[in-house]
Each structure stands twice: as structure tokens, then as C-alpha cells.
Amino acid sequence: MDDFPADAAAVVQRHIEDEHGYLSWLNTRVDAIERGRLVMTIPYDEKLTNTVSPPTIHGGIAATLIDTAGGIALRTMLDDPLSGGVATINLNVNYLRRASGDLTAVAEVVRAGGSVGVSTITVVSTDPKEDEDVARRQSPSTEWDDAVATGQGAYRLFRE
């Protein structure tokens, strides 16, 4: 499989991190982007937590990350990832345990058909203050033992 163009990756990254209202407000970061795979992180922020003690990240943040990462991973499969489009048609989120740190999603394309694509997404939570998590953030695991949420999304592909 050929590489994802670096110039397209830079445009996607800039849009998510600096120009997209909601995702930029969440401080979403694109950690890695390649054809058929995307890694994104939303860092811990108290404004994103439930009002419990100790605070935990609201499940809607994980769902947003699952939906966004799954769709962008599919966008990398389009002939022209910058002019084509992707729209969610079905989203399934499974919450496995509480999250209390940064959320990192690893999205992988299962299938990119002519008009519909499917991605699977695993979300892990890491505490940026702990040294052992540095390596995990750089190369996040998609193992079930580490997951706080998993999901699968189906997306309408608009190929132009």
C-alpha cells in the first residue's frame, strides 16, 4: 500500500488542530496519519470531566474521538483525501472502563468500498505525568487490556 502524501497529512493536521472549531477547542492532536490508519489524542482537561471524585473524562469525549478518528482514517483511503468527503452513517461505542487522563485513539480502516467504509477504533487513557506512559503515547497499543473504549463506525464516502 502506498504512503499517504505528507502535504495532505499536514493539511489534515492543521485543520484539526488549528482551524476546526470543536476539535480545536478540545485541543485535539493528530499524532500519526498514514493510509488506512490514524492516531489522535485529546489531552486531559478538567472542563471535559464528569463531576465525580476523582474526576473522569466524560464518555462523549471518547465517542467524539472514536467518530472523528474513524472518519479521518477512511478519508486517507480516498483518491483525493482533501476534496472528497466522509459522513458518519452508523457509530457503535463500547465503554470498557473509566478514563482519567489523556485519550488516544487508534483508528484502522477495515474496508473502504465504493460508497461505504468501515473503521475500528480503540481508545486508551494515559496519564501524562507518569513516565511509563511516554512510550505508550508515542506508540499506543490497541490491546483490549489497555482500552477504555472501543468502537466501529460506518461512513458514507463521497469520492470526487
Protein backbone atom coordinates (compact mmCIF):
# COMPACT_ATOMS: atom_id res chain seq x y z
CA MET A 1 0.00 0.00 0.00
CA ASP A 2 1.40 3.39 -0.95
CA ASP A 3 2.18 6.11 1.58
CA PHE A 4 -0.22 8.87 2.50
CA PRO A 5 1.02 12.16 0.97
CA ALA A 6 2.88 14.31 3.51
CA ASP A 7 1.32 17.53 2.19
CA ALA A 8 -2.20 16.11 2.65
CA ALA A 9 -1.29 14.90 6.15
CA ALA A 10 -0.10 18.42 7.04
CA VAL A 11 -3.36 19.97 5.79
CA VAL A 12 -5.47 17.50 7.79
CA GLN A 13 -3.36 18.03 10.90
CA ARG A 14 -3.53 21.83 10.64
CA HIS A 15 -7.30 21.74 10.08
CA ILE A 16 -7.94 19.51 13.12
CA GLU A 17 -5.51 21.24 15.47
CA ASP A 18 -5.93 24.89 14.48
CA GLU A 19 -8.99 25.52 12.31
CA HIS A 20 -11.81 23.15 13.32
CA GLY A 21 -13.88 24.90 16.00
CA TYR A 22 -14.93 21.97 18.18
CA LEU A 23 -11.87 19.74 17.72
CA SER A 24 -9.51 22.70 18.19
CA TRP A 25 -11.39 23.69 21.38
CA LEU A 26 -10.81 20.14 22.66
CA ASN A 27 -7.07 20.59 21.89
CA THR A 28 -7.21 17.54 19.62
CA ARG A 29 -3.81 16.49 18.32
CA VAL A 30 -3.03 14.32 15.28
CA ASP A 31 -0.17 12.05 16.38
CA ALA A 32 0.17 9.91 13.26
CA ILE A 33 -1.54 9.70 9.91
CA GLU A 34 -0.92 7.15 7.20
CA ARG A 35 -3.02 5.44 4.58
CA GLY A 36 -5.71 3.46 6.43
CA ARG A 37 -4.59 4.39 9.96
CA LEU A 38 -4.80 7.42 12.24
CA VAL A 39 -3.71 8.14 15.80
CA MET A 40 -5.31 11.14 17.57
CA THR A 41 -5.19 12.44 21.14
CA ILE A 42 -7.42 14.67 23.22
CA PRO A 43 -5.43 15.76 26.28
CA TYR A 44 -6.90 15.69 29.77
CA ASP A 45 -8.69 18.91 30.68
CA GLU A 46 -10.81 19.41 33.76
CA LYS A 47 -13.55 21.02 31.63
CA LEU A 48 -14.08 17.61 29.97
CA THR A 49 -14.69 15.65 33.17
CA ASN A 50 -17.72 14.30 34.99
CA THR A 51 -18.49 15.76 38.41
CA VAL A 52 -17.33 12.73 40.38
CA SER A 53 -14.39 12.24 42.67
CA PRO A 54 -11.86 11.53 41.36
CA PRO A 55 -12.79 13.22 38.08
CA THR A 56 -13.19 11.05 34.98
CA ILE A 57 -13.39 12.05 31.33
CA HIS A 58 -16.97 12.32 30.04
CA GLY A 59 -17.87 9.45 27.71
CA GLY A 60 -18.95 11.86 25.00
CA ILE A 61 -15.34 12.91 24.55
CA ALA A 62 -14.32 9.30 23.85
CA ALA A 63 -17.25 8.98 21.42
CA THR A 64 -16.18 12.17 19.62
CA LEU A 65 -12.65 10.81 19.33
CA ILE A 66 -13.91 7.46 18.01
CA ASP A 67 -16.15 9.08 15.41
CA THR A 68 -13.57 11.62 14.26
CA ALA A 69 -10.61 9.24 14.10
CA GLY A 70 -12.62 6.59 12.26
CA GLY A 71 -13.80 9.06 9.64
CA ILE A 72 -10.40 10.64 9.06
CA ALA A 73 -8.76 7.21 8.74
CA LEU A 74 -11.22 6.50 5.92
CA ARG A 75 -10.52 9.87 4.31
CA THR A 76 -6.91 8.68 3.83
CA MET A 77 -8.24 5.96 1.52
CA LEU A 78 -9.83 8.40 -0.94
CA ASP A 79 -8.07 9.18 -4.21
CA ASP A 80 -8.14 12.85 -3.22
CA PRO A 81 -8.46 12.97 0.58
CA LEU A 82 -8.77 16.76 0.62
CA SER A 83 -11.66 17.18 -1.83
CA GLY A 84 -13.64 14.01 -1.10
CA GLY A 85 -15.84 13.69 1.94
CA VAL A 86 -16.87 11.32 4.72
CA ALA A 87 -20.13 11.33 6.71
CA THR A 88 -20.98 9.03 9.62
CA ILE A 89 -23.89 6.69 8.93
CA ASN A 90 -23.53 4.42 11.97
CA LEU A 91 -21.45 4.57 15.13
CA ASN A 92 -21.03 1.98 17.85
CA VAL A 93 -19.19 2.83 21.08
CA ASN A 94 -18.35 0.38 23.85
CA TYR A 95 -17.23 1.89 27.16
CA LEU A 96 -14.93 -0.53 28.97
CA ARG A 97 -13.65 1.42 31.99
CA ARG A 98 -13.23 4.92 33.36
CA ALA A 99 -10.72 7.29 31.82
CA SER A 100 -8.86 9.85 33.89
CA GLY A 101 -6.03 11.03 31.62
CA ASP A 102 -5.31 11.88 28.01
CA LEU A 103 -7.39 9.92 25.50
CA THR A 104 -5.61 8.47 22.46
CA ALA A 105 -7.49 6.78 19.64
CA VAL A 106 -6.04 4.38 17.11
CA ALA A 107 -8.30 4.05 14.07
CA GLU A 108 -7.80 1.43 11.40
CA VAL A 109 -9.76 1.03 8.19
CA VAL A 110 -11.49 -2.31 7.86
CA ARG A 111 -12.91 -1.64 4.40
CA ALA A 112 -13.15 1.32 2.06
CA GLY A 113 -15.73 0.38 -0.57
CA GLY A 114 -17.12 2.44 -3.41
CA SER A 115 -19.60 4.38 -1.26
CA VAL A 116 -19.33 3.00 2.30
CA GLY A 117 -16.33 2.46 4.53
CA VAL A 118 -15.83 0.92 7.97
CA SER A 119 -13.22 1.67 10.63
CA THR A 120 -12.46 0.12 14.00
CA ILE A 121 -11.19 2.35 16.77
CA THR A 122 -9.59 1.68 20.16
CA VAL A 123 -9.19 4.42 22.78
CA VAL A 124 -6.65 4.24 25.59
CA SER A 125 -6.21 6.65 28.51
CA THR A 126 -2.79 7.72 29.70
CA ASP A 127 -1.63 9.96 32.49
CA PRO A 128 0.88 12.43 31.01
CA LYS A 129 2.54 12.82 34.43
CA GLU A 130 3.71 9.20 34.56
CA ASP A 131 7.00 8.33 32.82
CA GLU A 132 5.83 4.84 31.84
CA ASP A 133 3.12 6.38 29.67
CA VAL A 134 5.54 8.32 27.44
CA ALA A 135 6.27 5.29 25.26
CA ARG A 136 2.59 4.35 25.19
CA ARG A 137 1.62 7.79 23.84
CA GLN A 138 4.24 7.55 21.11
CA SER A 139 3.13 4.07 20.01
CA PRO A 140 -0.28 3.39 21.57
CA SER A 141 -1.43 -0.16 21.99
CA THR A 142 -4.70 -1.38 20.60
CA GLU A 143 -4.87 -4.25 23.08
CA TRP A 144 -8.18 -4.76 24.88
CA ASP A 145 -6.43 -4.73 28.28
CA ASP A 146 -5.41 -1.08 27.77
CA ALA A 147 -8.66 0.14 26.22
CA VAL A 148 -11.14 2.47 27.90
CA ALA A 149 -13.44 2.39 24.87
CA THR A 150 -13.70 0.71 21.50
CA GLY A 151 -15.88 1.42 18.57
CA GLN A 152 -16.72 0.84 14.99
CA GLY A 153 -18.00 3.37 12.54
CA ALA A 154 -19.59 3.11 9.14
CA TYR A 155 -19.20 6.14 6.92
CA ARG A 156 -20.59 7.32 3.59
CA LEU A 157 -17.68 8.05 1.26
CA PHE A 158 -18.03 10.94 -1.16
CA ARG A 159 -15.41 10.31 -3.82
CA GLU A 160 -14.77 13.26 -6.13
